[in-house]
């Protein structure tokens, strides 16, 4: 190019499009970024997701309220609510004594209390969730508390969508993935349940959104700080999520905001909430343990083999994620398919938060979480995995991948919705035979589905039976082989993966030094 042509190009007005711009403006069906040129805005899509989710979750909640009583830990959270609302105390033994729970649980119930060394009865469950839904319980009883959790689930779906958009996922795949997670994962299962993992998932997801954003307002930092500080109020186990996330929040403030008051917004509310929790536990329960009842019971992590717990959390037919939510198989594919060196900072950030908590849950003596729906302990981190599903679909960008993803989501939704019609089929305990819902599905399809899925919950204290171990290894190898096959034969351009630059960690690459200018002697 001549010097004259360079001067002409530099003198072109901004309004005059360059030839390259005209060419790139033509939609390219092979490029997923062209799908972002849609008439619907992000706000319109978010409103549509919220409306559909609210309708489906409300219907599911209605079915549960009509067809069944609260199960597992649910009535005990309501008992804690009654202690706060009616007796204005953290001592839930008075509710057990007066049997104030008969309005929603019309039979005798075991006390979720454990004595400390002084004989004081300490509750197994924290009061974080009841403190939030107690106003709605006062107005509408159990239905009010359930409605509060429905709203929490809808907000989680919206945060999944915004999380994906902020990470560079185009609108169609962000919408599809948010919808799949809304109805094909733990978000749906726990949307109409009074379990704390659903609330913890929302707070953790929002905090990670703030951490992954390079620019945040004071209000965002404050709300993320409140979220991380309130997680241990909800459940003592969530302290394993708050601490690593707080470290990441510190890195975010240091890397993107030099204003001193930003540290106050990012850590002031968190420290106040954590201090208040310790003060309540000390003055009311005479302990500094984040979960007083579990502390005196001696229940905690590092009690069983991590291999046994991880195999159960992922592959058990009753409690595992893959058998109950097959859409999560795309997470395994997305971890390798998303060109990790393009988004290594996001992988590290999610790993710092998720991996310690998963390992702690896997080594917990009751990794199946007692009498509960599937995937309860991991439900708090499942929404964070949506990025790997979305990046898989965006990278492959093929109708067959979309079809398979939709089918897996529909299978999970149909299975979960059937347990809304028959609520007792959703809850399992260890040891247990195959669930009634799985048996019914097997008879409907004339396929003994349960026989082909490992039942690791049957091996709580004894060695894992050989056939169950072989099934677990077989399913793990099958998923790994599927992921490896896609990694090898998927030749889509890496440009389909968003090149994330979170600037959360300092880069390891050496910066090129500009050679010093020559000086005239």
Protein backbone atom coordinates (compact mmCIF):
# COMPACT_ATOMS: atom_id res chain seq x y z
CA UNK A 1 0.00 0.00 0.00
CA UNK A 2 1.39 3.39 -0.99
CA UNK A 3 1.87 6.38 1.26
CA UNK A 4 -0.94 8.14 -0.62
CA UNK A 5 -3.45 5.34 -0.01
CA UNK A 6 -2.52 5.31 3.66
CA UNK A 7 -3.25 9.01 3.94
CA UNK A 8 -6.57 8.53 2.15
CA UNK A 9 -7.62 5.75 4.50
CA UNK A 10 -6.61 7.74 7.53
CA UNK A 11 -8.61 10.68 6.25
CA UNK A 12 -11.84 8.70 5.71
CA UNK A 13 -14.68 9.86 7.89
CA UNK A 14 -15.96 7.56 10.63
CA UNK A 15 -19.37 7.45 8.95
CA UNK A 16 -17.86 6.07 5.73
CA UNK A 17 -17.73 2.27 6.09
CA UNK A 18 -14.59 0.49 5.06
CA UNK A 19 -14.94 -2.37 2.57
CA UNK A 20 -14.06 -4.89 5.30
CA UNK A 21 -16.88 -3.56 7.48
CA UNK A 22 -19.43 -4.03 4.70
CA UNK A 23 -18.36 -7.64 4.20
CA UNK A 24 -18.45 -8.48 7.92
CA UNK A 25 -21.94 -6.99 8.21
CA UNK A 26 -23.34 -9.87 6.12
CA UNK A 27 -24.64 -12.55 8.54
CA UNK A 28 -22.53 -15.71 8.49
CA UNK A 29 -24.49 -18.79 9.55
CA UNK A 30 -21.30 -20.63 10.47
CA UNK A 31 -20.38 -17.91 12.94
CA UNK A 32 -22.39 -18.01 16.20
CA UNK A 33 -21.66 -14.35 16.87
CA UNK A 34 -23.96 -13.51 13.96
CA UNK A 35 -26.82 -14.85 16.07
CA UNK A 36 -26.48 -11.87 18.39
CA UNK A 37 -28.14 -9.71 15.74
CA UNK A 38 -31.62 -10.51 17.03
CA UNK A 39 -34.53 -8.22 17.64
CA UNK A 40 -34.97 -9.37 21.23
CA UNK A 41 -32.76 -7.54 23.69
CA UNK A 42 -31.14 -9.11 26.74
CA UNK A 43 -33.77 -7.51 28.98
CA UNK A 44 -36.60 -8.93 26.88
CA UNK A 45 -35.07 -12.41 26.99
CA UNK A 46 -34.50 -12.14 30.74
CA UNK A 47 -38.13 -11.10 31.24
CA UNK A 48 -39.31 -14.05 29.16
CA UNK A 49 -37.12 -16.47 31.12
CA UNK A 50 -38.41 -15.04 34.39
CA UNK A 51 -42.05 -15.35 33.31
CA UNK A 52 -41.78 -18.94 32.07
CA UNK A 53 -39.74 -20.03 35.08
CA UNK A 54 -42.16 -18.38 37.48
CA UNK A 55 -45.14 -20.12 35.89
CA UNK A 56 -43.55 -23.58 35.90
CA UNK A 57 -42.08 -23.25 39.40
CA UNK A 58 -45.40 -22.00 40.77
CA UNK A 59 -47.21 -24.97 39.26
CA UNK A 60 -44.64 -27.36 40.73
CA UNK A 61 -44.90 -25.68 44.14
CA UNK A 62 -48.69 -25.95 43.99
CA UNK A 63 -48.44 -29.66 43.26
CA UNK A 64 -46.12 -30.21 46.19
CA UNK A 65 -48.22 -28.19 48.60
CA UNK A 66 -51.37 -30.09 47.63
CA UNK A 67 -49.96 -33.58 47.24
CA UNK A 68 -47.48 -33.92 50.05
CA UNK A 69 -46.15 -32.79 53.41
CA UNK A 70 -42.64 -31.34 53.83
CA UNK A 71 -39.98 -34.04 53.88
CA UNK A 72 -36.43 -34.47 55.12
CA UNK A 73 -35.07 -31.30 56.71
CA UNK A 74 -37.90 -29.13 55.36
CA UNK A 75 -40.21 -29.37 58.42
CA UNK A 76 -37.27 -28.59 60.70
CA UNK A 77 -36.55 -25.35 58.84
CA UNK A 78 -40.23 -24.47 59.31
CA UNK A 79 -39.89 -25.32 63.01
CA UNK A 80 -36.99 -22.86 63.22
CA UNK A 81 -39.26 -20.32 61.52
CA UNK A 82 -41.96 -20.83 64.15
CA UNK A 83 -39.39 -20.36 66.91
CA UNK A 84 -38.43 -17.00 65.41
CA UNK A 85 -41.91 -15.81 64.50
CA UNK A 86 -43.99 -17.04 67.43
CA UNK A 87 -41.54 -17.35 70.33
CA UNK A 88 -38.87 -14.83 69.20
CA UNK A 89 -36.06 -17.22 70.14
CA UNK A 90 -33.36 -19.41 68.64
CA UNK A 91 -34.37 -22.23 70.99
CA UNK A 92 -36.40 -24.58 68.78
CA UNK A 93 -36.99 -27.13 71.53
CA UNK A 94 -40.05 -25.16 72.64
CA UNK A 95 -41.65 -25.78 69.23
CA UNK A 96 -40.99 -29.51 69.54
CA UNK A 97 -42.40 -29.50 73.08
CA UNK A 98 -45.61 -27.71 72.09
CA UNK A 99 -45.92 -29.63 68.82
CA UNK A 100 -46.56 -26.43 66.89
CA UNK A 101 -45.55 -28.23 63.71
CA UNK A 102 -48.79 -30.25 63.46
CA UNK A 103 -50.31 -27.75 61.06
CA UNK A 104 -47.87 -28.82 58.30
CA UNK A 105 -46.51 -32.14 59.64
CA UNK A 106 -49.43 -34.03 61.26
CA UNK A 107 -47.41 -36.67 63.12
CA UNK A 108 -44.61 -36.93 65.65
CA UNK A 109 -41.24 -35.79 64.37
CA UNK A 110 -37.67 -36.50 65.39
CA UNK A 111 -35.86 -33.63 67.05
CA UNK A 112 -32.94 -32.23 65.09
CA UNK A 113 -31.07 -31.31 68.25
CA UNK A 114 -27.82 -32.54 69.81
CA UNK A 115 -26.57 -31.95 73.38
CA UNK A 116 -23.26 -30.24 74.00
CA UNK A 117 -20.94 -31.08 76.90
CA UNK A 118 -23.11 -28.98 79.25
CA UNK A 119 -26.34 -30.66 78.19
CA UNK A 120 -27.61 -27.69 76.15
CA UNK A 121 -29.54 -28.83 73.06
CA UNK A 122 -28.10 -27.27 69.91
CA UNK A 123 -29.95 -27.16 66.55
CA UNK A 124 -28.58 -29.00 63.57
CA UNK A 125 -29.63 -26.29 61.12
CA UNK A 126 -28.66 -22.64 60.88
CA UNK A 127 -31.25 -19.87 60.94
CA UNK A 128 -30.20 -17.97 57.80
CA UNK A 129 -33.02 -19.15 55.54
CA UNK A 130 -35.83 -18.90 58.15
CA UNK A 131 -34.73 -15.34 58.97
CA UNK A 132 -35.33 -14.36 55.33
CA UNK A 133 -38.65 -16.07 54.72
CA UNK A 134 -40.21 -15.52 58.17
CA UNK A 135 -42.29 -12.48 56.99
CA UNK A 136 -43.83 -14.59 54.21
CA UNK A 137 -44.44 -17.44 56.65
CA UNK A 138 -46.32 -15.09 58.96
CA UNK A 139 -48.60 -14.10 56.09
CA UNK A 140 -49.18 -17.40 54.29
CA UNK A 141 -47.57 -20.15 56.35
CA UNK A 142 -45.71 -22.92 54.53
CA UNK A 143 -47.00 -21.61 51.19
CA UNK A 144 -45.36 -18.24 51.89
CA UNK A 145 -41.98 -19.82 52.61
CA UNK A 146 -42.30 -21.97 49.48
CA UNK A 147 -43.21 -18.92 47.41
CA UNK A 148 -40.08 -17.19 48.68
CA UNK A 149 -37.98 -20.11 47.41
CA UNK A 150 -39.77 -19.97 44.05
CA UNK A 151 -38.66 -16.35 43.67
CA UNK A 152 -35.13 -17.36 44.68
CA UNK A 153 -35.09 -19.98 41.90
CA UNK A 154 -36.35 -17.46 39.31
CA UNK A 155 -33.61 -15.01 40.32
CA UNK A 156 -31.06 -17.82 39.98
CA UNK A 157 -32.17 -18.46 36.40
CA UNK A 158 -31.83 -14.76 35.57
CA UNK A 159 -28.36 -14.65 37.10
CA UNK A 160 -27.34 -17.68 35.05
CA UNK A 161 -28.38 -15.82 31.88
CA UNK A 162 -26.61 -12.60 32.84
CA UNK A 163 -23.53 -14.56 33.95
CA UNK A 164 -23.28 -16.19 30.53
CA UNK A 165 -23.82 -12.92 28.67
CA UNK A 166 -21.13 -11.19 30.72
CA UNK A 167 -18.74 -14.01 29.83
CA UNK A 168 -19.25 -13.54 26.10
CA UNK A 169 -21.85 -16.20 25.29
CA UNK A 170 -24.13 -15.09 22.46
CA UNK A 171 -27.83 -14.54 23.16
CA UNK A 172 -29.29 -17.75 21.69
CA UNK A 173 -26.88 -20.06 23.50
CA UNK A 174 -27.08 -18.06 26.72
CA UNK A 175 -30.89 -18.28 26.54
CA UNK A 176 -30.88 -21.99 25.70
CA UNK A 177 -28.43 -22.84 28.47
CA UNK A 178 -30.29 -20.77 31.05
CA UNK A 179 -33.49 -22.57 30.06
CA UNK A 180 -31.85 -25.98 30.27
CA UNK A 181 -30.52 -25.20 33.72
CA UNK A 182 -33.87 -23.76 34.78
CA UNK A 183 -35.76 -26.99 34.08
CA UNK A 184 -33.16 -29.74 33.70
CA UNK A 185 -30.95 -29.33 36.77
CA UNK A 186 -31.14 -28.92 40.53
CA UNK A 187 -32.53 -25.39 40.13
CA UNK A 188 -35.92 -26.84 39.23
CA UNK A 189 -35.82 -29.68 41.77
CA UNK A 190 -35.16 -27.31 44.69
CA UNK A 191 -37.33 -24.43 43.43
CA UNK A 192 -40.35 -25.73 45.36
CA UNK A 193 -38.43 -27.17 48.32
CA UNK A 194 -37.40 -25.62 51.62
CA UNK A 195 -33.74 -26.59 51.38
CA UNK A 196 -30.99 -24.02 51.88
CA UNK A 197 -28.87 -25.04 48.89
CA UNK A 198 -31.17 -23.17 46.51
CA UNK A 199 -30.66 -19.91 48.39
CA UNK A 200 -26.92 -20.52 48.68
CA UNK A 201 -26.71 -21.08 44.91
CA UNK A 202 -28.20 -17.65 44.21
CA UNK A 203 -25.88 -15.79 46.61
CA UNK A 204 -22.77 -17.61 45.39
CA UNK A 205 -23.64 -17.11 41.73
CA UNK A 206 -24.14 -13.37 42.15
CA UNK A 207 -20.87 -13.02 44.05
CA UNK A 208 -19.03 -14.85 41.27
CA UNK A 209 -20.62 -12.56 38.69
CA UNK A 210 -19.15 -9.57 40.52
CA UNK A 211 -15.77 -11.29 40.85
CA UNK A 212 -15.63 -12.04 37.13
CA UNK A 213 -16.57 -8.47 36.13
CA UNK A 214 -13.67 -6.10 35.61
CA UNK A 215 -15.72 -3.03 36.57
CA UNK A 216 -18.23 -2.96 39.43
CA UNK A 217 -20.25 -0.28 41.12
CA UNK A 218 -20.20 0.28 44.87
CA UNK A 219 -23.66 -1.28 45.10
CA UNK A 220 -22.48 -4.43 43.32
CA UNK A 221 -19.48 -4.81 45.60
CA UNK A 222 -21.68 -4.29 48.66
CA UNK A 223 -24.25 -6.83 47.50
CA UNK A 224 -21.56 -9.40 46.71
CA UNK A 225 -20.05 -8.81 50.15
CA UNK A 226 -23.46 -9.31 51.78
CA UNK A 227 -23.93 -12.52 49.77
CA UNK A 228 -20.62 -14.03 50.87
CA UNK A 229 -21.13 -12.94 54.45
CA UNK A 230 -24.60 -14.44 54.62
CA UNK A 231 -23.69 -17.84 53.15
CA UNK A 232 -22.50 -19.26 56.53
CA UNK A 233 -25.70 -17.98 58.12
CA UNK A 234 -27.59 -20.28 55.77
CA UNK A 235 -25.39 -23.33 56.33
CA UNK A 236 -22.10 -23.79 58.13
CA UNK A 237 -20.77 -25.83 55.20
CA UNK A 238 -21.00 -22.76 52.99
CA UNK A 239 -18.05 -21.22 54.83
CA UNK A 240 -15.95 -23.39 52.52
CA UNK A 241 -17.43 -21.33 49.66
CA UNK A 242 -17.30 -17.91 51.30
CA UNK A 243 -13.61 -17.90 52.17
CA UNK A 244 -12.19 -18.75 48.71
CA UNK A 245 -14.67 -16.40 47.07
CA UNK A 246 -13.70 -13.63 49.49
CA UNK A 247 -10.06 -14.10 48.44
CA UNK A 248 -11.08 -13.75 44.80
CA UNK A 249 -13.09 -10.64 45.63
CA UNK A 250 -9.96 -9.17 47.22
CA UNK A 251 -8.02 -9.86 44.02
CA UNK A 252 -10.79 -8.29 41.97
CA UNK A 253 -10.75 -5.05 44.00
CA UNK A 254 -6.95 -4.87 43.91
CA UNK A 255 -6.78 -5.49 40.17
CA UNK A 256 -9.55 -3.13 39.08
CA UNK A 257 -10.13 -0.43 41.69
CA UNK A 258 -7.53 1.63 43.51
CA UNK A 259 -10.05 3.58 45.55
CA UNK A 260 -9.63 2.80 49.24
CA UNK A 261 -13.34 2.92 49.94
CA UNK A 262 -13.88 0.05 47.47
CA UNK A 263 -12.34 -2.28 50.08
CA UNK A 264 -14.86 -1.00 52.60
CA UNK A 265 -17.79 -1.84 50.33
CA UNK A 266 -16.30 -5.21 49.38
CA UNK A 267 -15.46 -6.45 52.88
CA UNK A 268 -17.27 -4.30 55.42
CA UNK A 269 -20.71 -5.97 55.09
CA UNK A 270 -19.11 -9.42 54.91
CA UNK A 271 -17.10 -8.95 58.10
CA UNK A 272 -20.13 -7.53 59.92
CA UNK A 273 -22.28 -10.52 59.00
CA UNK A 274 -19.60 -13.06 59.89
CA UNK A 275 -18.98 -11.29 63.19
CA UNK A 276 -22.71 -11.24 63.92
CA UNK A 277 -22.96 -14.98 63.22
CA UNK A 278 -20.11 -15.74 65.60
CA UNK A 279 -21.66 -13.46 68.24
CA UNK A 280 -25.03 -15.25 68.01
CA UNK A 281 -23.40 -18.67 68.18
CA UNK A 282 -21.25 -17.66 71.15
CA UNK A 283 -23.87 -15.92 73.26
CA UNK A 284 -26.78 -18.22 72.40
CA UNK A 285 -25.14 -21.60 71.88
CA UNK A 286 -21.81 -21.06 73.69
CA UNK A 287 -19.73 -22.09 70.67
CA UNK A 288 -17.90 -20.46 67.78
CA UNK A 289 -18.62 -23.33 65.40
CA UNK A 290 -20.42 -22.02 62.27
CA UNK A 291 -22.91 -24.89 62.56
CA UNK A 292 -23.40 -25.52 66.30
CA UNK A 293 -25.44 -28.73 66.11
CA UNK A 294 -23.13 -30.44 63.66
CA UNK A 295 -20.15 -29.34 65.73
CA UNK A 296 -21.29 -31.23 68.81
CA UNK A 297 -22.34 -34.22 66.68
CA UNK A 298 -18.80 -34.49 65.38
CA UNK A 299 -20.01 -34.52 61.78
CA UNK A 300 -17.76 -32.90 59.23
CA UNK A 301 -15.44 -33.37 56.26
CA UNK A 302 -12.47 -35.74 55.95
CA UNK A 303 -14.41 -38.66 57.44
CA UNK A 304 -14.59 -41.05 54.48
CA UNK A 305 -12.65 -41.76 51.30
CA UNK A 306 -12.88 -38.99 48.72
CA UNK A 307 -13.11 -41.61 45.96
CA UNK A 308 -16.23 -43.14 47.50
CA UNK A 309 -17.86 -39.77 48.05
CA UNK A 310 -17.02 -38.35 44.62
CA UNK A 311 -18.28 -41.49 42.90
CA UNK A 312 -21.54 -41.20 44.81
CA UNK A 313 -21.99 -37.47 44.24
CA UNK A 314 -21.56 -37.87 40.50
CA UNK A 315 -22.82 -41.37 39.60
CA UNK A 316 -25.15 -42.76 42.27
CA UNK A 317 -28.59 -43.51 40.80
CA UNK A 318 -30.42 -41.89 43.71
CA UNK A 319 -28.25 -38.90 44.60
CA UNK A 320 -25.73 -38.47 41.77
CA UNK A 321 -25.80 -35.58 39.31
CA UNK A 322 -25.21 -37.43 36.04
CA UNK A 323 -28.04 -40.01 36.33
CA UNK A 324 -30.58 -37.40 37.41
CA UNK A 325 -29.35 -34.38 35.39
CA UNK A 326 -27.69 -35.72 32.20
CA UNK A 327 -27.31 -32.22 30.74
CA UNK A 328 -24.26 -31.90 33.03
CA UNK A 329 -22.38 -34.32 30.78
CA UNK A 330 -21.87 -31.27 28.56
CA UNK A 331 -19.89 -29.73 31.43
CA UNK A 332 -17.24 -32.43 31.05
CA UNK A 333 -17.08 -31.76 27.32
CA UNK A 334 -16.92 -28.00 27.81
CA UNK A 335 -14.02 -28.13 30.25
CA UNK A 336 -11.71 -29.34 27.48
CA UNK A 337 -13.52 -27.98 24.45
CA UNK A 338 -13.54 -24.35 25.48
CA UNK A 339 -9.84 -23.78 24.72
CA UNK A 340 -8.73 -23.44 28.36
CA UNK A 341 -5.75 -21.21 27.59
CA UNK A 342 -8.20 -18.60 26.29
CA UNK A 343 -10.16 -18.53 29.54
CA UNK A 344 -7.72 -19.95 32.08
CA UNK A 345 -8.46 -17.19 34.58
CA UNK A 346 -12.15 -18.14 34.68
CA UNK A 347 -11.26 -21.83 35.08
CA UNK A 348 -8.95 -21.02 37.99
CA UNK A 349 -11.51 -18.75 39.65
CA UNK A 350 -14.28 -21.36 39.46
CA UNK A 351 -11.90 -24.11 40.53
CA UNK A 352 -10.73 -22.19 43.59
CA UNK A 353 -14.34 -21.93 44.78
CA UNK A 354 -15.87 -25.21 43.61
CA UNK A 355 -13.15 -27.83 44.10
CA UNK A 356 -12.56 -27.40 47.88
CA UNK A 357 -16.30 -27.48 48.56
CA UNK A 358 -16.84 -30.57 46.40
CA UNK A 359 -13.98 -32.40 48.11
CA UNK A 360 -15.30 -31.41 51.54
CA UNK A 361 -18.77 -32.69 50.61
CA UNK A 362 -17.34 -35.91 49.16
CA UNK A 363 -15.47 -36.73 52.38
CA UNK A 364 -18.51 -35.90 54.54
CA UNK A 365 -19.78 -39.01 56.31
CA UNK A 366 -23.28 -38.40 54.93
CA UNK A 367 -22.41 -37.29 51.41
CA UNK A 368 -25.95 -38.22 50.28
CA UNK A 369 -27.34 -35.49 52.65
CA UNK A 370 -29.76 -37.77 54.45
CA UNK A 371 -33.37 -38.05 53.32
CA UNK A 372 -33.36 -35.60 50.43
CA UNK A 373 -33.75 -35.10 46.67
CA UNK A 374 -30.80 -35.85 44.36
CA UNK A 375 -27.73 -33.64 44.18
CA UNK A 376 -28.52 -31.65 47.31
CA UNK A 377 -24.99 -30.81 48.50
CA UNK A 378 -23.77 -29.89 45.01
CA UNK A 379 -26.88 -27.91 44.10
CA UNK A 380 -25.19 -24.79 45.45
CA UNK A 381 -22.42 -24.93 42.81
CA UNK A 382 -24.35 -26.38 39.84
CA UNK A 383 -25.39 -22.96 38.37
CA UNK A 384 -21.70 -22.00 38.10
CA UNK A 385 -21.21 -24.87 35.65
CA UNK A 386 -23.60 -23.34 33.11
CA UNK A 387 -20.72 -21.64 31.32
CA UNK A 388 -19.21 -24.97 30.29
CA UNK A 389 -22.49 -26.15 28.77
CA UNK A 390 -22.94 -22.85 26.93
CA UNK A 391 -19.38 -22.75 25.63
CA UNK A 392 -19.75 -26.33 24.34
CA UNK A 393 -22.86 -25.47 22.37
CA UNK A 394 -21.38 -22.22 21.06
CA UNK A 395 -18.13 -23.89 20.01
CA UNK A 396 -19.79 -26.81 18.21
CA UNK A 397 -22.57 -24.58 16.82
CA UNK A 398 -24.48 -27.47 15.25
CA UNK A 399 -28.15 -28.43 15.37
CA UNK A 400 -27.29 -31.97 16.52
CA UNK A 401 -25.52 -30.71 19.64
CA UNK A 402 -28.48 -28.43 20.41
CA UNK A 403 -30.91 -31.31 19.91
CA UNK A 404 -28.97 -33.59 22.26
CA UNK A 405 -28.78 -30.87 24.89
CA UNK A 406 -32.52 -30.22 24.68
CA UNK A 407 -33.30 -33.93 24.91
CA UNK A 408 -31.17 -34.39 28.02
CA UNK A 409 -32.82 -31.37 29.60
CA UNK A 410 -36.31 -32.64 28.78
CA UNK A 411 -35.53 -36.09 30.22
CA UNK A 412 -34.39 -34.54 33.50
CA UNK A 413 -37.40 -32.22 33.61
CA UNK A 414 -39.89 -35.03 32.92
CA UNK A 415 -38.32 -37.18 35.62
CA UNK A 416 -38.34 -34.32 38.15
CA UNK A 417 -41.87 -33.20 37.26
CA UNK A 418 -43.18 -36.71 37.89
CA UNK A 419 -41.86 -36.42 41.44
CA UNK A 420 -43.87 -33.22 41.87
CA UNK A 421 -47.00 -35.20 41.11
CA UNK A 422 -45.86 -37.94 43.49
CA UNK A 423 -43.66 -36.03 46.00
CA UNK A 424 -42.66 -39.09 47.98
CA UNK A 425 -40.78 -40.46 44.97
CA UNK A 426 -38.31 -37.55 45.02
CA UNK A 427 -36.81 -38.24 48.44
CA UNK A 428 -34.31 -41.00 49.11
CA UNK A 429 -32.16 -42.12 52.00
CA UNK A 430 -29.15 -44.37 52.32
CA UNK A 431 -29.21 -47.32 52.23
CA UNK A 432 -32.19 -47.55 49.90
CA UNK A 433 -33.45 -49.60 46.96
CA UNK A 434 -34.00 -47.91 43.59
CA UNK A 435 -36.49 -45.04 43.82
CA UNK A 436 -40.11 -45.58 42.94
CA UNK A 437 -39.88 -42.95 40.20
CA UNK A 438 -36.97 -44.73 38.53
CA UNK A 439 -38.76 -48.07 38.84
CA UNK A 440 -41.90 -46.60 37.28
CA UNK A 441 -39.88 -45.16 34.40
CA UNK A 442 -38.21 -48.53 33.86
CA UNK A 443 -41.56 -50.31 33.70
CA UNK A 444 -42.91 -47.66 31.31
CA UNK A 445 -39.97 -48.13 28.92
CA UNK A 446 -39.70 -51.85 29.63
CA UNK A 447 -36.03 -51.30 30.49
CA UNK A 448 -34.57 -52.07 33.95
CA UNK A 449 -32.90 -48.66 34.16
CA UNK A 450 -31.89 -48.98 37.82
CA UNK A 451 -29.89 -52.13 37.14
CA UNK A 452 -27.61 -50.20 34.77
CA UNK A 453 -26.88 -47.37 37.20
CA UNK A 454 -24.60 -47.70 40.24
CA UNK A 455 -26.20 -47.61 43.67
CA UNK A 456 -23.26 -46.50 45.77
CA UNK A 457 -25.49 -45.37 48.61
CA UNK A 458 -25.96 -49.06 49.41
CA UNK A 459 -22.33 -49.16 50.55
CA UNK A 460 -22.20 -46.69 53.41
CA UNK A 461 -19.89 -48.51 55.81
CA UNK A 462 -19.01 -51.67 53.91
CA UNK A 463 -16.72 -52.01 50.89
CA UNK A 464 -18.35 -51.03 47.64
CA UNK A 465 -19.78 -54.15 45.95
CA UNK A 466 -17.86 -55.23 42.88
CA UNK A 467 -20.79 -54.83 40.50
CA UNK A 468 -21.48 -51.28 41.76
CA UNK A 469 -17.80 -50.35 41.41
CA UNK A 470 -17.72 -51.72 37.86
CA UNK A 471 -20.83 -49.77 36.91
CA UNK A 472 -19.32 -46.59 38.33
CA UNK A 473 -16.05 -47.04 36.46
CA UNK A 474 -17.93 -47.94 33.29
CA UNK A 475 -20.08 -44.80 33.35
CA UNK A 476 -17.06 -42.62 34.17
CA UNK A 477 -15.12 -44.08 31.25
CA UNK A 478 -18.09 -43.70 28.90
CA UNK A 479 -18.46 -40.00 29.73
CA UNK A 480 -14.70 -39.45 29.46
CA UNK A 481 -14.62 -41.26 26.10
CA UNK A 482 -17.50 -39.15 24.81
CA UNK A 483 -15.74 -35.95 25.87
CA UNK A 484 -12.42 -37.07 24.37
CA UNK A 485 -14.11 -37.96 21.07
CA UNK A 486 -15.61 -34.49 20.78
CA UNK A 487 -12.28 -32.88 21.72
CA UNK A 488 -10.44 -34.82 19.00
CA UNK A 489 -12.91 -34.56 16.12
CA UNK A 490 -14.37 -31.10 16.78
CA UNK A 491 -12.47 -28.83 14.42
CA UNK A 492 -14.44 -25.63 14.88
CA UNK A 493 -12.37 -22.44 15.01
CA UNK A 494 -11.29 -21.32 18.45
CA UNK A 495 -12.75 -17.90 17.69
CA UNK A 496 -16.15 -19.29 18.64
CA UNK A 497 -14.99 -19.40 22.25
CA UNK A 498 -15.08 -15.99 23.95
CA UNK A 499 -11.57 -14.76 24.66
CA UNK A 500 -12.06 -13.82 28.29
CA UNK A 501 -9.74 -11.31 29.87
CA UNK A 502 -10.89 -11.14 33.49
CA UNK A 503 -7.62 -9.59 34.69
CA UNK A 504 -8.21 -11.30 37.99
CA UNK A 505 -4.77 -12.89 38.33
CA UNK A 506 -1.46 -11.46 37.13
CA UNK A 507 -0.41 -13.00 33.86
CA UNK A 508 2.53 -15.38 33.91
CA UNK A 509 3.80 -14.30 30.51
CA UNK A 510 6.70 -11.90 30.44
CA UNK A 511 5.90 -8.50 29.13
CA UNK A 512 7.86 -7.41 26.11
CA UNK A 513 10.21 -4.63 27.00
CA UNK A 514 10.42 -1.70 24.64
CA UNK A 515 14.05 -1.19 23.62
CA UNK A 516 15.44 2.08 24.87
CA UNK A 517 15.66 4.86 22.32
CA UNK A 518 19.07 5.55 20.87
CA UNK A 519 20.66 8.63 22.25
CA UNK A 520 22.89 10.94 20.26
CA UNK A 521 26.34 11.24 21.75
